[in-house]
Amino acid sequence: HGMDSFRLCETLYDCEASLVVKMDSITKEIYEKIVGVPGTFDKFMNAVENIQNVGFNRIIGEVDGKKITRLAFSAVVMTLNIHEVRKMKEFARKMNAQFICKLPSLVGEAVKHSEVMF
């Protein structure tokens, strides 16, 4: 796309998109163990900052007392991060975002790492 992450966020926001952001963990060590790439947690947190600065977490409405924004965080729950589910939900809610938990499915690279999935 040829643009930095902040400009990409602005472009998506201007197009009235909503975001579902993958969140593997809120702990650097666990996040990078799941992802398998050093330095990715800091990139994730930078992206979260850009998302906030652009306004995806701005309240755009309310339904039954629940705040509506254009932002959600999604996590695949596995043995490495199940103890963080409450903290991940709190992290999302502090940003006025929905928190979505997904169960692991053994497809692709996950087949090779089933021991950390269940």
PDB file of N, CA and C in Angstrom:
ATOM      1  N   HIS A   1       0.811  -1.202   0.000  1.00  0.00           N
ATOM      2  CA  HIS A   1       0.000   0.000   0.000  1.00  0.00           C
ATOM      3  C   HIS A   1       0.850   1.261   0.000  1.00  0.00           C
ATOM      4  N   GLY A   2       2.134   1.151   0.298  1.00  0.00           N
ATOM      5  CA  GLY A   2       3.054   2.265   0.162  1.00  0.00           C
ATOM      6  C   GLY A   2       2.870   3.408   1.139  1.00  0.00           C
ATOM      7  N   MET A   3       2.348   3.149   2.331  1.00  0.00           N
ATOM      8  CA  MET A   3       2.182   4.232   3.314  1.00  0.00           C
ATOM      9  C   MET A   3       2.545   3.715   4.700  1.00  0.00           C
ATOM     10  N   ASP A   4       2.895   4.632   5.605  1.00  0.00           N
ATOM     11  CA  ASP A   4       3.211   4.209   6.960  1.00  0.00           C
ATOM     12  C   ASP A   4       1.929   3.815   7.691  1.00  0.00           C
ATOM     13  N   SER A   5       2.087   3.225   8.880  1.00  0.00           N
ATOM     14  CA  SER A   5       0.926   2.672   9.582  1.00  0.00           C
ATOM     15  C   SER A   5      -0.074   3.747  10.008  1.00  0.00           C
ATOM     16  N   PHE A   6       0.416   4.931  10.354  1.00  0.00           N
ATOM     17  CA  PHE A   6      -0.522   5.995  10.742  1.00  0.00           C
ATOM     18  C   PHE A   6      -1.372   6.426   9.553  1.00  0.00           C
ATOM     19  N   ARG A   7      -0.737   6.612   8.398  1.00  0.00           N
ATOM     20  CA  ARG A   7      -1.474   7.013   7.193  1.00  0.00           C
ATOM     21  C   ARG A   7      -2.448   5.921   6.767  1.00  0.00           C
ATOM     22  N   LEU A   8      -2.053   4.661   6.919  1.00  0.00           N
ATOM     23  CA  LEU A   8      -2.966   3.562   6.605  1.00  0.00           C
ATOM     24  C   LEU A   8      -4.193   3.625   7.513  1.00  0.00           C
ATOM     25  N   CYS A   9      -3.980   3.862   8.809  1.00  0.00           N
ATOM     26  CA  CYS A   9      -5.098   3.993   9.747  1.00  0.00           C
ATOM     27  C   CYS A   9      -6.015   5.145   9.339  1.00  0.00           C
ATOM     28  N   GLU A  10      -5.413   6.285   8.984  1.00  0.00           N
ATOM     29  CA  GLU A  10      -6.212   7.433   8.541  1.00  0.00           C
ATOM     30  C   GLU A  10      -7.041   7.094   7.305  1.00  0.00           C
ATOM     31  N   THR A  11      -6.430   6.421   6.344  1.00  0.00           N
ATOM     32  CA  THR A  11      -7.130   6.061   5.110  1.00  0.00           C
ATOM     33  C   THR A  11      -8.307   5.145   5.408  1.00  0.00           C
ATOM     34  N   LEU A  12      -8.089   4.135   6.242  1.00  0.00           N
ATOM     35  CA  LEU A  12      -9.175   3.219   6.597  1.00  0.00           C
ATOM     36  C   LEU A  12     -10.280   3.936   7.361  1.00  0.00           C
ATOM     37  N   TYR A  13      -9.893   4.830   8.248  1.00  0.00           N
ATOM     38  CA  TYR A  13     -10.878   5.603   9.008  1.00  0.00           C
ATOM     39  C   TYR A  13     -11.706   6.485   8.073  1.00  0.00           C
ATOM     40  N   ASP A  14     -11.032   7.153   7.150  1.00  0.00           N
ATOM     41  CA  ASP A  14     -11.729   8.017   6.190  1.00  0.00           C
ATOM     42  C   ASP A  14     -12.671   7.230   5.286  1.00  0.00           C
ATOM     43  N   CYS A  15     -12.372   5.956   5.065  1.00  0.00           N
ATOM     44  CA  CYS A  15     -13.241   5.091   4.254  1.00  0.00           C
ATOM     45  C   CYS A  15     -14.378   4.503   5.080  1.00  0.00           C
ATOM     46  N   GLU A  16     -14.483   4.930   6.353  1.00  0.00           N
ATOM     47  CA  GLU A  16     -15.519   4.487   7.281  1.00  0.00           C
ATOM     48  C   GLU A  16     -15.460   2.995   7.576  1.00  0.00           C
ATOM     49  N   ALA A  17     -14.246   2.448   7.553  1.00  0.00           N
ATOM     50  CA  ALA A  17     -14.040   1.046   7.899  1.00  0.00           C
ATOM     51  C   ALA A  17     -14.089   0.871   9.412  1.00  0.00           C
ATOM     52  N   SER A  18     -14.344  -0.338   9.838  1.00  0.00           N
ATOM     53  CA  SER A  18     -14.188  -0.739  11.234  1.00  0.00           C
ATOM     54  C   SER A  18     -13.011  -1.693  11.284  1.00  0.00           C
ATOM     55  N   LEU A  19     -12.345  -1.781  12.429  1.00  0.00           N
ATOM     56  CA  LEU A  19     -11.175  -2.647  12.560  1.00  0.00           C
ATOM     57  C   LEU A  19     -11.420  -3.762  13.565  1.00  0.00           C
ATOM     58  N   VAL A  20     -10.960  -4.947  13.211  1.00  0.00           N
ATOM     59  CA  VAL A  20     -10.840  -6.061  14.141  1.00  0.00           C
ATOM     60  C   VAL A  20      -9.346  -6.369  14.192  1.00  0.00           C
ATOM     61  N   VAL A  21      -8.734  -6.084  15.328  1.00  0.00           N
ATOM     62  CA  VAL A  21      -7.290  -6.192  15.482  1.00  0.00           C
ATOM     63  C   VAL A  21      -6.958  -7.471  16.246  1.00  0.00           C
ATOM     64  N   LYS A  22      -6.066  -8.278  15.688  1.00  0.00           N
ATOM     65  CA  LYS A  22      -5.638  -9.499  16.343  1.00  0.00           C
ATOM     66  C   LYS A  22      -4.752  -9.146  17.522  1.00  0.00           C
ATOM     67  N   MET A  23      -5.076  -9.719  18.678  1.00  0.00           N
ATOM     68  CA  MET A  23      -4.320  -9.457  19.901  1.00  0.00           C
ATOM     69  C   MET A  23      -3.947 -10.806  20.515  1.00  0.00           C
ATOM     70  N   ASP A  24      -2.699 -11.212  20.370  1.00  0.00           N
ATOM     71  CA  ASP A  24      -2.266 -12.519  20.866  1.00  0.00           C
ATOM     72  C   ASP A  24      -2.028 -12.527  22.370  1.00  0.00           C
ATOM     73  N   SER A  25      -1.651 -11.393  22.918  1.00  0.00           N
ATOM     74  CA  SER A  25      -1.363 -11.271  24.340  1.00  0.00           C
ATOM     75  C   SER A  25      -1.172  -9.791  24.645  1.00  0.00           C
ATOM     76  N   ILE A  26      -1.207  -9.450  25.915  1.00  0.00           N
ATOM     77  CA  ILE A  26      -0.849  -8.083  26.299  1.00  0.00           C
ATOM     78  C   ILE A  26       0.453  -8.070  27.092  1.00  0.00           C
ATOM     79  N   THR A  27       1.135  -9.202  27.098  1.00  0.00           N
ATOM     80  CA  THR A  27       2.436  -9.335  27.728  1.00  0.00           C
ATOM     81  C   THR A  27       3.472  -9.566  26.631  1.00  0.00           C
ATOM     82  N   LYS A  28       4.501  -8.743  26.599  1.00  0.00           N
ATOM     83  CA  LYS A  28       5.497  -8.799  25.534  1.00  0.00           C
ATOM     84  C   LYS A  28       6.081 -10.201  25.350  1.00  0.00           C
ATOM     85  N   GLU A  29       6.499 -10.814  26.422  1.00  0.00           N
ATOM     86  CA  GLU A  29       7.135 -12.136  26.335  1.00  0.00           C
ATOM     87  C   GLU A  29       6.194 -13.171  25.712  1.00  0.00           C
ATOM     88  N   ILE A  30       4.953 -13.193  26.161  1.00  0.00           N
ATOM     89  CA  ILE A  30       3.983 -14.169  25.644  1.00  0.00           C
ATOM     90  C   ILE A  30       3.610 -13.829  24.207  1.00  0.00           C
ATOM     91  N   TYR A  31       3.381 -12.561  23.928  1.00  0.00           N
ATOM     92  CA  TYR A  31       3.030 -12.133  22.565  1.00  0.00           C
ATOM     93  C   TYR A  31       4.097 -12.606  21.571  1.00  0.00           C
ATOM     94  N   GLU A  32       5.348 -12.336  21.880  1.00  0.00           N
ATOM     95  CA  GLU A  32       6.425 -12.680  20.959  1.00  0.00           C
ATOM     96  C   GLU A  32       6.675 -14.181  20.895  1.00  0.00           C
ATOM     97  N   LYS A  33       6.361 -14.911  21.963  1.00  0.00           N
ATOM     98  CA  LYS A  33       6.456 -16.371  21.916  1.00  0.00           C
ATOM     99  C   LYS A  33       5.381 -16.933  20.978  1.00  0.00           C
ATOM    100  N   ILE A  34       4.171 -16.397  21.049  1.00  0.00           N
ATOM    101  CA  ILE A  34       3.088 -16.857  20.177  1.00  0.00           C
ATOM    102  C   ILE A  34       3.384 -16.507  18.724  1.00  0.00           C
ATOM    103  N   VAL A  35       3.783 -15.273  18.483  1.00  0.00           N
ATOM    104  CA  VAL A  35       4.033 -14.800  17.122  1.00  0.00           C
ATOM    105  C   VAL A  35       5.324 -15.399  16.555  1.00  0.00           C
ATOM    106  N   GLY A  36       6.314 -15.597  17.424  1.00  0.00           N
ATOM    107  CA  GLY A  36       7.576 -16.180  16.993  1.00  0.00           C
ATOM    108  C   GLY A  36       8.533 -15.199  16.338  1.00  0.00           C
ATOM    109  N   VAL A  37       8.288 -13.891  16.528  1.00  0.00           N
ATOM    110  CA  VAL A  37       9.145 -12.880  15.916  1.00  0.00           C
ATOM    111  C   VAL A  37       9.470 -11.810  16.974  1.00  0.00           C
ATOM    112  N   PRO A  38      10.753 -11.674  17.342  1.00  0.00           N
ATOM    113  CA  PRO A  38      11.127 -10.635  18.308  1.00  0.00           C
ATOM    114  C   PRO A  38      10.790  -9.234  17.769  1.00  0.00           C
ATOM    115  N   GLY A  39      10.361  -8.372  18.662  1.00  0.00           N
ATOM    116  CA  GLY A  39      10.065  -6.994  18.288  1.00  0.00           C
ATOM    117  C   GLY A  39       8.647  -6.734  17.826  1.00  0.00           C
ATOM    118  N   THR A  40       7.854  -7.782  17.672  1.00  0.00           N
ATOM    119  CA  THR A  40       6.489  -7.585  17.155  1.00  0.00           C
ATOM    120  C   THR A  40       5.547  -6.969  18.183  1.00  0.00           C
ATOM    121  N   PHE A  41       5.799  -7.178  19.466  1.00  0.00           N
ATOM    122  CA  PHE A  41       4.910  -6.591  20.475  1.00  0.00           C
ATOM    123  C   PHE A  41       4.969  -5.065  20.418  1.00  0.00           C
ATOM    124  N   ASP A  42       6.168  -4.521  20.283  1.00  0.00           N
ATOM    125  CA  ASP A  42       6.305  -3.061  20.198  1.00  0.00           C
ATOM    126  C   ASP A  42       5.595  -2.528  18.953  1.00  0.00           C
ATOM    127  N   LYS A  43       5.643  -3.265  17.852  1.00  0.00           N
ATOM    128  CA  LYS A  43       4.933  -2.866  16.629  1.00  0.00           C
ATOM    129  C   LYS A  43       3.425  -2.911  16.850  1.00  0.00           C
ATOM    130  N   PHE A  44       2.949  -3.943  17.568  1.00  0.00           N
ATOM    131  CA  PHE A  44       1.531  -4.047  17.901  1.00  0.00           C
ATOM    132  C   PHE A  44       1.094  -2.833  18.721  1.00  0.00           C
ATOM    133  N   MET A  45       1.867  -2.495  19.759  1.00  0.00           N
ATOM    134  CA  MET A  45       1.503  -1.372  20.613  1.00  0.00           C
ATOM    135  C   MET A  45       1.552  -0.048  19.847  1.00  0.00           C
ATOM    136  N   ASN A  46       2.485   0.096  18.930  1.00  0.00           N
ATOM    137  CA  ASN A  46       2.538   1.284  18.079  1.00  0.00           C
ATOM    138  C   ASN A  46       1.290   1.370  17.210  1.00  0.00           C
ATOM    139  N   ALA A  47       0.871   0.245  16.668  1.00  0.00           N
ATOM    140  CA  ALA A  47      -0.346   0.217  15.854  1.00  0.00           C
ATOM    141  C   ALA A  47      -1.569   0.592  16.691  1.00  0.00           C
ATOM    142  N   VAL A  48      -1.634   0.097  17.923  1.00  0.00           N
ATOM    143  CA  VAL A  48      -2.749   0.432  18.821  1.00  0.00           C
ATOM    144  C   VAL A  48      -2.775   1.939  19.081  1.00  0.00           C
ATOM    145  N   GLU A  49      -1.612   2.532  19.280  1.00  0.00           N
ATOM    146  CA  GLU A  49      -1.535   3.983  19.483  1.00  0.00           C
ATOM    147  C   GLU A  49      -2.046   4.733  18.249  1.00  0.00           C
ATOM    148  N   ASN A  50      -1.633   4.299  17.062  1.00  0.00           N
ATOM    149  CA  ASN A  50      -2.110   4.934  15.831  1.00  0.00           C
ATOM    150  C   ASN A  50      -3.621   4.796  15.680  1.00  0.00           C
ATOM    151  N   ILE A  51      -4.137   3.634  15.993  1.00  0.00           N
ATOM    152  CA  ILE A  51      -5.589   3.380  15.905  1.00  0.00           C
ATOM    153  C   ILE A  51      -6.345   4.334  16.818  1.00  0.00           C
ATOM    154  N   GLN A  52      -5.823   4.531  18.036  1.00  0.00           N
ATOM    155  CA  GLN A  52      -6.457   5.463  18.977  1.00  0.00           C
ATOM    156  C   GLN A  52      -6.359   6.901  18.469  1.00  0.00           C
ATOM    157  N   ASN A  53      -5.175   7.294  18.014  1.00  0.00           N
ATOM    158  CA  ASN A  53      -4.968   8.672  17.567  1.00  0.00           C
ATOM    159  C   ASN A  53      -5.844   9.037  16.378  1.00  0.00           C
ATOM    160  N   VAL A  54      -6.117   8.076  15.528  1.00  0.00           N
ATOM    161  CA  VAL A  54      -6.985   8.324  14.373  1.00  0.00           C
ATOM    162  C   VAL A  54      -8.448   8.407  14.810  1.00  0.00           C
ATOM    163  N   GLY A  55      -8.832   7.648  15.838  1.00  0.00           N
ATOM    164  CA  GLY A  55     -10.183   7.759  16.364  1.00  0.00           C
ATOM    165  C   GLY A  55     -11.069   6.541  16.231  1.00  0.00           C
ATOM    166  N   PHE A  56     -10.515   5.387  15.906  1.00  0.00           N
ATOM    167  CA  PHE A  56     -11.342   4.187  15.779  1.00  0.00           C
ATOM    168  C   PHE A  56     -12.054   3.824  17.077  1.00  0.00           C
ATOM    169  N   ASN A  57     -11.513   4.236  18.207  1.00  0.00           N
ATOM    170  CA  ASN A  57     -12.137   3.925  19.496  1.00  0.00           C
ATOM    171  C   ASN A  57     -13.091   5.021  19.974  1.00  0.00           C
ATOM    172  N   ARG A  58     -13.347   6.015  19.135  1.00  0.00           N
ATOM    173  CA  ARG A  58     -14.291   7.080  19.467  1.00  0.00           C
ATOM    174  C   ARG A  58     -15.708   6.510  19.498  1.00  0.00           C
ATOM    175  N   ILE A  59     -16.465   6.841  20.519  1.00  0.00           N
ATOM    176  CA  ILE A  59     -17.835   6.347  20.655  1.00  0.00           C
ATOM    177  C   ILE A  59     -18.706   6.991  19.586  1.00  0.00           C
ATOM    178  N   ILE A  60     -19.387   6.154  18.794  1.00  0.00           N
ATOM    179  CA  ILE A  60     -20.242   6.656  17.717  1.00  0.00           C
ATOM    180  C   ILE A  60     -21.722   6.403  17.980  1.00  0.00           C
ATOM    181  N   GLY A  61     -22.013   5.703  19.077  1.00  0.00           N
ATOM    182  CA  GLY A  61     -23.398   5.420  19.422  1.00  0.00           C
ATOM    183  C   GLY A  61     -23.474   4.574  20.669  1.00  0.00           C
ATOM    184  N   GLU A  62     -24.704   4.222  21.018  1.00  0.00           N
ATOM    185  CA  GLU A  62     -24.928   3.397  22.201  1.00  0.00           C
ATOM    186  C   GLU A  62     -26.162   2.541  21.970  1.00  0.00           C
ATOM    187  N   VAL A  63     -26.081   1.264  22.365  1.00  0.00           N
ATOM    188  CA  VAL A  63     -27.207   0.340  22.263  1.00  0.00           C
ATOM    189  C   VAL A  63     -27.325  -0.392  23.583  1.00  0.00           C
ATOM    190  N   ASP A  64     -28.481  -0.285  24.215  1.00  0.00           N
ATOM    191  CA  ASP A  64     -28.718  -0.941  25.506  1.00  0.00           C
ATOM    192  C   ASP A  64     -27.620  -0.629  26.525  1.00  0.00           C
ATOM    193  N   GLY A  65     -27.162   0.611  26.539  1.00  0.00           N
ATOM    194  CA  GLY A  65     -26.147   1.041  27.483  1.00  0.00           C
ATOM    195  C   GLY A  65     -24.735   0.627  27.111  1.00  0.00           C
ATOM    196  N   LYS A  66     -24.554  -0.008  25.967  1.00  0.00           N
ATOM    197  CA  LYS A  66     -23.233  -0.435  25.510  1.00  0.00           C
ATOM    198  C   LYS A  66     -22.701   0.550  24.483  1.00  0.00           C
ATOM    199  N   LYS A  67     -21.448   0.945  24.656  1.00  0.00           N
ATOM    200  CA  LYS A  67     -20.815   1.894  23.738  1.00  0.00           C
ATOM    201  C   LYS A  67     -20.498   1.205  22.409  1.00  0.00           C
ATOM    202  N   ILE A  68     -20.714   1.935  21.322  1.00  0.00           N
ATOM    203  CA  ILE A  68     -20.418   1.422  19.993  1.00  0.00           C
ATOM    204  C   ILE A  68     -19.273   2.238  19.407  1.00  0.00           C
ATOM    205  N   THR A  69     -18.245   1.532  18.933  1.00  0.00           N
ATOM    206  CA  THR A  69     -17.124   2.160  18.252  1.00  0.00           C
ATOM    207  C   THR A  69     -16.862   1.367  16.974  1.00  0.00           C
ATOM    208  N   ARG A  70     -15.815   1.735  16.290  1.00  0.00           N
ATOM    209  CA  ARG A  70     -15.431   1.025  15.068  1.00  0.00           C
ATOM    210  C   ARG A  70     -14.203   0.161  15.313  1.00  0.00           C
ATOM    211  N   LEU A  71     -14.078  -0.380  16.537  1.00  0.00           N
ATOM    212  CA  LEU A  71     -12.887  -1.114  16.913  1.00  0.00           C
ATOM    213  C   LEU A  71     -13.232  -2.344  17.739  1.00  0.00           C
ATOM    214  N   ALA A  72     -12.567  -3.451  17.415  1.00  0.00           N
ATOM    215  CA  ALA A  72     -12.655  -4.678  18.205  1.00  0.00           C
ATOM    216  C   ALA A  72     -11.276  -5.327  18.239  1.00  0.00           C
ATOM    217  N   PHE A  73     -11.002  -6.056  19.312  1.00  0.00           N
ATOM    218  CA  PHE A  73      -9.794  -6.859  19.425  1.00  0.00           C
ATOM    219  C   PHE A  73     -10.205  -8.318  19.469  1.00  0.00           C
ATOM    220  N   SER A  74      -9.447  -9.156  18.778  1.00  0.00           N
ATOM    221  CA  SER A  74      -9.757 -10.566  18.666  1.00  0.00           C
ATOM    222  C   SER A  74      -8.562 -11.387  19.117  1.00  0.00           C
ATOM    223  N   ALA A  75      -8.804 -12.397  19.947  1.00  0.00           N
ATOM    224  CA  ALA A  75      -7.725 -13.247  20.442  1.00  0.00           C
ATOM    225  C   ALA A  75      -8.093 -14.713  20.288  1.00  0.00           C
ATOM    226  N   VAL A  76      -7.150 -15.503  19.795  1.00  0.00           N
ATOM    227  CA  VAL A  76      -7.285 -16.951  19.814  1.00  0.00           C
ATOM    228  C   VAL A  76      -6.806 -17.387  21.192  1.00  0.00           C
ATOM    229  N   VAL A  77      -7.682 -18.019  21.950  1.00  0.00           N
ATOM    230  CA  VAL A  77      -7.365 -18.412  23.317  1.00  0.00           C
ATOM    231  C   VAL A  77      -6.694 -19.781  23.296  1.00  0.00           C
ATOM    232  N   MET A  78      -5.528 -19.852  23.915  1.00  0.00           N
ATOM    233  CA  MET A  78      -4.749 -21.096  23.958  1.00  0.00           C
ATOM    234  C   MET A  78      -4.063 -21.208  25.310  1.00  0.00           C
ATOM    235  N   THR A  79      -3.330 -22.269  25.518  1.00  0.00           N
ATOM    236  CA  THR A  79      -2.690 -22.479  26.822  1.00  0.00           C
ATOM    237  C   THR A  79      -1.729 -21.358  27.189  1.00  0.00           C
ATOM    238  N   LEU A  80      -1.104 -20.727  26.204  1.00  0.00           N
ATOM    239  CA  LEU A  80      -0.132 -19.668  26.489  1.00  0.00           C
ATOM    240  C   LEU A  80      -0.762 -18.358  26.965  1.00  0.00           C
ATOM    241  N   ASN A  81      -2.026 -18.105  26.609  1.00  0.00           N
ATOM    242  CA  ASN A  81      -2.615 -16.807  26.956  1.00  0.00           C
ATOM    243  C   ASN A  81      -3.949 -16.884  27.693  1.00  0.00           C
ATOM    244  N   ILE A  82      -4.426 -18.068  28.007  1.00  0.00           N
ATOM    245  CA  ILE A  82      -5.750 -18.179  28.641  1.00  0.00           C
ATOM    246  C   ILE A  82      -5.802 -17.441  29.981  1.00  0.00           C
ATOM    247  N   HIS A  83      -4.691 -17.384  30.679  1.00  0.00           N
ATOM    248  CA  HIS A  83      -4.661 -16.674  31.968  1.00  0.00           C
ATOM    249  C   HIS A  83      -4.774 -15.154  31.790  1.00  0.00           C
ATOM    250  N   GLU A  84      -4.667 -14.671  30.558  1.00  0.00           N
ATOM    251  CA  GLU A  84      -4.744 -13.232  30.276  1.00  0.00           C
ATOM    252  C   GLU A  84      -6.101 -12.779  29.732  1.00  0.00           C
ATOM    253  N   VAL A  85      -7.051 -13.684  29.622  1.00  0.00           N
ATOM    254  CA  VAL A  85      -8.325 -13.327  28.980  1.00  0.00           C
ATOM    255  C   VAL A  85      -8.968 -12.109  29.646  1.00  0.00           C
ATOM    256  N   ARG A  86      -9.060 -12.108  30.957  1.00  0.00           N
ATOM    257  CA  ARG A  86      -9.654 -10.944  31.646  1.00  0.00           C
ATOM    258  C   ARG A  86      -8.873  -9.660  31.369  1.00  0.00           C
ATOM    259  N   LYS A  87      -7.558  -9.744  31.414  1.00  0.00           N
ATOM    260  CA  LYS A  87      -6.725  -8.563  31.177  1.00  0.00           C
ATOM    261  C   LYS A  87      -6.850  -8.078  29.733  1.00  0.00           C
ATOM    262  N   MET A  88      -6.949  -9.010  28.785  1.00  0.00           N
ATOM    263  CA  MET A  88      -7.131  -8.610  27.389  1.00  0.00           C
ATOM    264  C   MET A  88      -8.494  -7.936  27.198  1.00  0.00           C
ATOM    265  N   LYS A  89      -9.504  -8.466  27.869  1.00  0.00           N
ATOM    266  CA  LYS A  89     -10.836  -7.855  27.798  1.00  0.00           C
ATOM    267  C   LYS A  89     -10.799  -6.450  28.404  1.00  0.00           C
ATOM    268  N   GLU A  90     -10.154  -6.291  29.546  1.00  0.00           N
ATOM    269  CA  GLU A  90     -10.040  -4.971  30.172  1.00  0.00           C
ATOM    270  C   GLU A  90      -9.279  -4.001  29.271  1.00  0.00           C
ATOM    271  N   PHE A  91      -8.210  -4.478  28.641  1.00  0.00           N
ATOM    272  CA  PHE A  91      -7.434  -3.662  27.705  1.00  0.00           C
ATOM    273  C   PHE A  91      -8.339  -3.146  26.590  1.00  0.00           C
ATOM    274  N   ALA A  92      -9.118  -4.047  26.010  1.00  0.00           N
ATOM    275  CA  ALA A  92     -10.031  -3.665  24.928  1.00  0.00           C
ATOM    276  C   ALA A  92     -11.096  -2.694  25.429  1.00  0.00           C
ATOM    277  N   ARG A  93     -11.692  -2.980  26.558  1.00  0.00           N
ATOM    278  CA  ARG A  93     -12.782  -2.142  27.080  1.00  0.00           C
ATOM    279  C   ARG A  93     -12.298  -0.743  27.446  1.00  0.00           C
ATOM    280  N   LYS A  94     -11.066  -0.614  27.928  1.00  0.00           N
ATOM    281  CA  LYS A  94     -10.518   0.708  28.240  1.00  0.00           C
ATOM    282  C   LYS A  94     -10.413   1.569  26.981  1.00  0.00           C
ATOM    283  N   MET A  95     -10.348   0.894  25.839  1.00  0.00           N
ATOM    284  CA  MET A  95     -10.278   1.607  24.559  1.00  0.00           C
ATOM    285  C   MET A  95     -11.651   1.691  23.893  1.00  0.00           C
ATOM    286  N   ASN A  96     -12.713   1.389  24.639  1.00  0.00           N
ATOM    287  CA  ASN A  96     -14.074   1.385  24.108  1.00  0.00           C
ATOM    288  C   ASN A  96     -14.251   0.376  22.980  1.00  0.00           C
ATOM    289  N   ALA A  97     -13.472  -0.700  23.005  1.00  0.00           N
ATOM    290  CA  ALA A  97     -13.519  -1.701  21.939  1.00  0.00           C
ATOM    291  C   ALA A  97     -14.179  -2.981  22.434  1.00  0.00           C
ATOM    292  N   GLN A  98     -14.723  -3.715  21.499  1.00  0.00           N
ATOM    293  CA  GLN A  98     -15.262  -5.033  21.789  1.00  0.00           C
ATOM    294  C   GLN A  98     -14.099  -6.011  21.901  1.00  0.00           C
ATOM    295  N   PHE A  99     -14.265  -7.058  22.705  1.00  0.00           N
ATOM    296  CA  PHE A  99     -13.256  -8.108  22.821  1.00  0.00           C
ATOM    297  C   PHE A  99     -13.874  -9.414  22.356  1.00  0.00           C
ATOM    298  N   ILE A 100     -13.237 -10.056  21.400  1.00  0.00           N
ATOM    299  CA  ILE A 100     -13.739 -11.291  20.821  1.00  0.00           C
ATOM    300  C   ILE A 100     -12.748 -12.408  21.115  1.00  0.00           C
ATOM    301  N   CYS A 101     -13.229 -13.490  21.717  1.00  0.00           N
ATOM    302  CA  CYS A 101     -12.400 -14.671  21.958  1.00  0.00           C
ATOM    303  C   CYS A 101     -12.731 -15.724  20.912  1.00  0.00           C
ATOM    304  N   LYS A 102     -11.681 -16.310  20.363  1.00  0.00           N
ATOM    305  CA  LYS A 102     -11.876 -17.387  19.399  1.00  0.00           C
ATOM    306  C   LYS A 102     -11.163 -18.634  19.899  1.00  0.00           C
ATOM    307  N   LEU A 103     -11.749 -19.774  19.626  1.00  0.00           N
ATOM    308  CA  LEU A 103     -11.107 -21.031  19.973  1.00  0.00           C
ATOM    309  C   LEU A 103     -10.124 -21.397  18.870  1.00  0.00           C
ATOM    310  N   PRO A 104      -9.041 -22.080  19.225  1.00  0.00           N
ATOM    311  CA  PRO A 104      -8.058 -22.445  18.207  1.00  0.00           C
ATOM    312  C   PRO A 104      -8.610 -23.498  17.250  1.00  0.00           C
ATOM    313  N   SER A 105      -8.120 -23.462  16.038  1.00  0.00           N
ATOM    314  CA  SER A 105      -8.453 -24.509  15.066  1.00  0.00           C
ATOM    315  C   SER A 105      -7.141 -25.025  14.491  1.00  0.00           C
ATOM    316  N   LEU A 106      -7.046 -26.299  14.346  1.00  0.00           N
ATOM    317  CA  LEU A 106      -5.799 -26.911  13.904  1.00  0.00           C
ATOM    318  C   LEU A 106      -5.713 -26.935  12.385  1.00  0.00           C
ATOM    319  N   VAL A 107      -5.369 -25.779  11.846  1.00  0.00           N
ATOM    320  CA  VAL A 107      -5.140 -25.640  10.411  1.00  0.00           C
ATOM    321  C   VAL A 107      -3.830 -24.897  10.205  1.00  0.00           C
ATOM    322  N   GLY A 108      -3.240 -25.047   9.047  1.00  0.00           N
ATOM    323  CA  GLY A 108      -2.005 -24.333   8.737  1.00  0.00           C
ATOM    324  C   GLY A 108      -0.894 -24.666   9.711  1.00  0.00           C
ATOM    325  N   GLU A 109      -0.146 -23.635  10.127  1.00  0.00           N
ATOM    326  CA  GLU A 109       0.994 -23.807  11.032  1.00  0.00           C
ATOM    327  C   GLU A 109       0.566 -24.289  12.419  1.00  0.00           C
ATOM    328  N   ALA A 110      -0.687 -24.062  12.796  1.00  0.00           N
ATOM    329  CA  ALA A 110      -1.157 -24.480  14.122  1.00  0.00           C
ATOM    330  C   ALA A 110      -1.079 -25.993  14.298  1.00  0.00           C
ATOM    331  N   VAL A 111      -1.176 -26.743  13.218  1.00  0.00           N
ATOM    332  CA  VAL A 111      -1.093 -28.204  13.290  1.00  0.00           C
ATOM    333  C   VAL A 111       0.236 -28.627  13.903  1.00  0.00           C
ATOM    334  N   LYS A 112       1.298 -27.890  13.604  1.00  0.00           N
ATOM    335  CA  LYS A 112       2.635 -28.227  14.107  1.00  0.00           C
ATOM    336  C   LYS A 112       2.797 -27.875  15.590  1.00  0.00           C
ATOM    337  N   HIS A 113       1.862 -27.082  16.152  1.00  0.00           N
ATOM    338  CA  HIS A 113       2.004 -26.589  17.516  1.00  0.00           C
ATOM    339  C   HIS A 113       0.761 -26.878  18.354  1.00  0.00           C
ATOM    340  N   SER A 114       0.141 -28.007  18.132  1.00  0.00           N
ATOM    341  CA  SER A 114      -1.118 -28.315  18.825  1.00  0.00           C
ATOM    342  C   SER A 114      -0.966 -28.363  20.340  1.00  0.00           C
ATOM    343  N   GLU A 115       0.249 -28.648  20.831  1.00  0.00           N
ATOM    344  CA  GLU A 115       0.460 -28.724  22.274  1.00  0.00           C
ATOM    345  C   GLU A 115       0.234 -27.402  22.984  1.00  0.00           C
ATOM    346  N   VAL A 116       0.393 -26.277  22.297  1.00  0.00           N
ATOM    347  CA  VAL A 116       0.149 -24.978  22.937  1.00  0.00           C
ATOM    348  C   VAL A 116      -1.275 -24.484  22.690  1.00  0.00           C
ATOM    349  N   MET A 117      -2.018 -25.201  21.863  1.00  0.00           N
ATOM    350  CA  MET A 117      -3.382 -24.780  21.550  1.00  0.00           C
ATOM    351  C   MET A 117      -4.385 -25.280  22.576  1.00  0.00           C
ATOM    352  N   PHE A 118      -4.180 -26.486  23.065  1.00  0.00           N
ATOM    353  CA  PHE A 118      -5.167 -27.093  23.977  1.00  0.00           C
ATOM    354  C   PHE A 118      -4.525 -27.564  25.246  1.00  0.00           C
TER     355      PHE A 118
END
